[in-house]
Amino acid sequence: MHELGICDAILKTVDSIAREEQLTVVHKVTLEVGMLSGVVPRFLTDCWQAVIDGTPYQDTELAIETINGLARCEDCGHEFSADLEKLWCPKCAGRRLTPLTGTDLTIKEIEAD
């Protein structure tokens, strides 16, 4: 489960920003997770709780916004909404696809005092 390592890295990034900006309390961290990123949002939520337990961030909420994936079929050129469970072109059933959006995981916002 690589989500645990991702949450650990997010917490380290948030901690670094909080120290640099001299934030006293971080209330919420909002992530954008692409549907084609390979990251499972519900696993992130569970892992976040494990990573923040016993830290100064133990009351920090994690919000996740999913970003749709867009792919292009290299066989017919059709662009379509894609996710990891349906990785074939709905027009020609081709499997040579290029992801156009939805592959990223980004810290969108940190709400703090």
Protein backbone atom coordinates (compact mmCIF):
# COMPACT_ATOMS: atom_id res chain seq x y z
CA MET A 1 0.00 0.00 0.00
CA HIS A 2 1.95 3.00 -1.27
CA GLU A 3 -0.69 5.38 0.13
CA LEU A 4 1.01 5.18 3.54
CA GLY A 5 4.26 6.49 2.06
CA ILE A 6 2.34 9.17 0.17
CA CYS A 7 0.63 10.34 3.36
CA ASP A 8 3.96 10.41 5.17
CA ALA A 9 5.44 12.57 2.39
CA ILE A 10 2.41 14.88 2.45
CA LEU A 11 2.72 15.31 6.21
CA LYS A 12 6.42 16.14 5.89
CA THR A 13 5.62 18.71 3.19
CA VAL A 14 2.83 20.26 5.27
CA ASP A 15 5.11 20.35 8.32
CA SER A 16 7.85 22.05 6.31
CA ILE A 17 5.43 24.67 4.99
CA ALA A 18 3.93 25.21 8.45
CA ARG A 19 7.38 25.84 9.93
CA GLU A 20 8.45 28.10 7.08
CA GLU A 21 5.24 30.14 7.23
CA GLN A 22 5.15 30.03 11.06
CA LEU A 23 1.66 28.52 11.16
CA THR A 24 0.37 27.63 14.60
CA VAL A 25 -2.39 25.17 13.66
CA VAL A 26 -3.12 23.33 10.42
CA HIS A 27 -6.85 22.61 10.27
CA LYS A 28 -7.23 20.99 6.88
CA VAL A 29 -5.20 19.71 3.94
CA THR A 30 -6.97 19.38 0.59
CA LEU A 31 -5.57 17.06 -2.05
CA GLU A 32 -6.45 16.68 -5.71
CA VAL A 33 -6.14 13.03 -6.74
CA GLY A 34 -6.34 12.06 -10.41
CA MET A 35 -8.43 9.06 -11.37
CA LEU A 36 -5.47 7.73 -13.37
CA SER A 37 -2.87 8.34 -10.64
CA GLY A 38 -3.04 4.83 -9.23
CA VAL A 39 -3.81 6.24 -5.78
CA VAL A 40 -6.93 5.02 -3.96
CA PRO A 41 -8.57 7.95 -2.15
CA ARG A 42 -10.17 5.87 0.63
CA PHE A 43 -6.78 4.31 1.41
CA LEU A 44 -5.30 7.81 1.67
CA THR A 45 -7.93 8.72 4.26
CA ASP A 46 -7.15 5.63 6.36
CA CYS A 47 -3.40 6.11 6.07
CA TRP A 48 -3.66 9.80 6.94
CA GLN A 49 -5.14 8.88 10.32
CA ALA A 50 -2.25 6.50 10.99
CA VAL A 51 0.40 9.05 9.96
CA ILE A 52 -0.94 11.98 12.00
CA ASP A 53 -1.67 9.98 15.16
CA GLY A 54 0.37 11.35 18.07
CA THR A 55 1.72 14.31 16.09
CA PRO A 56 0.92 18.03 16.33
CA TYR A 57 -1.28 17.40 13.25
CA GLN A 58 -3.51 14.74 14.85
CA ASP A 59 -6.62 16.94 14.44
CA THR A 60 -5.85 17.96 10.86
CA GLU A 61 -8.57 16.95 8.43
CA LEU A 62 -7.72 15.48 5.03
CA ALA A 63 -10.08 16.40 2.19
CA ILE A 64 -9.78 14.68 -1.16
CA GLU A 65 -11.06 15.96 -4.49
CA THR A 66 -10.91 13.50 -7.37
CA ILE A 67 -9.97 14.73 -10.83
CA ASN A 68 -11.39 12.88 -13.83
CA GLY A 69 -8.98 11.15 -16.15
CA LEU A 70 -8.93 11.97 -19.84
CA ALA A 71 -7.19 9.66 -22.29
CA ARG A 72 -6.61 9.50 -26.04
CA CYS A 73 -6.72 6.28 -28.02
CA GLU A 74 -3.60 5.99 -30.17
CA ASP A 75 -5.45 3.66 -32.58
CA CYS A 76 -8.40 5.91 -33.49
CA GLY A 77 -7.61 9.27 -31.85
CA HIS A 78 -10.78 9.31 -29.74
CA GLU A 79 -10.50 11.24 -26.44
CA PHE A 80 -12.60 10.01 -23.55
CA SER A 81 -13.07 9.98 -19.80
CA ALA A 82 -11.04 7.11 -18.38
CA ASP A 83 -10.37 5.42 -15.08
CA LEU A 84 -8.12 2.56 -14.01
CA GLU A 85 -10.96 0.02 -14.15
CA LYS A 86 -11.81 0.73 -17.80
CA LEU A 87 -8.59 1.19 -19.71
CA TRP A 88 -9.79 0.71 -23.26
CA CYS A 89 -11.26 2.97 -25.90
CA PRO A 90 -15.07 2.99 -25.86
CA LYS A 91 -15.09 3.73 -29.61
CA CYS A 92 -12.75 1.06 -31.02
CA ALA A 93 -11.80 -1.05 -27.93
CA GLY A 94 -8.15 -0.09 -28.49
CA ARG A 95 -5.80 -0.41 -25.55
CA ARG A 96 -2.99 1.86 -26.74
CA LEU A 97 -3.91 4.88 -24.66
CA THR A 98 -2.17 8.10 -23.70
CA PRO A 99 -3.31 9.77 -20.49
CA LEU A 100 -4.02 13.49 -20.95
CA THR A 101 -5.26 14.44 -17.47
CA GLY A 102 -5.93 12.79 -14.13
CA THR A 103 -2.48 11.37 -13.39
CA ASP A 104 -1.44 13.84 -10.70
CA LEU A 105 -1.67 14.01 -6.94
CA THR A 106 -1.39 17.60 -5.70
CA ILE A 107 -1.67 19.42 -2.41
CA LYS A 108 -4.30 21.97 -3.43
CA GLU A 109 -4.76 23.87 -0.19
CA ILE A 110 -3.63 24.05 3.41
CA GLU A 111 -6.04 25.76 5.82
CA ALA A 112 -4.23 27.08 8.87
CA ASP A 113 -3.87 29.82 11.46
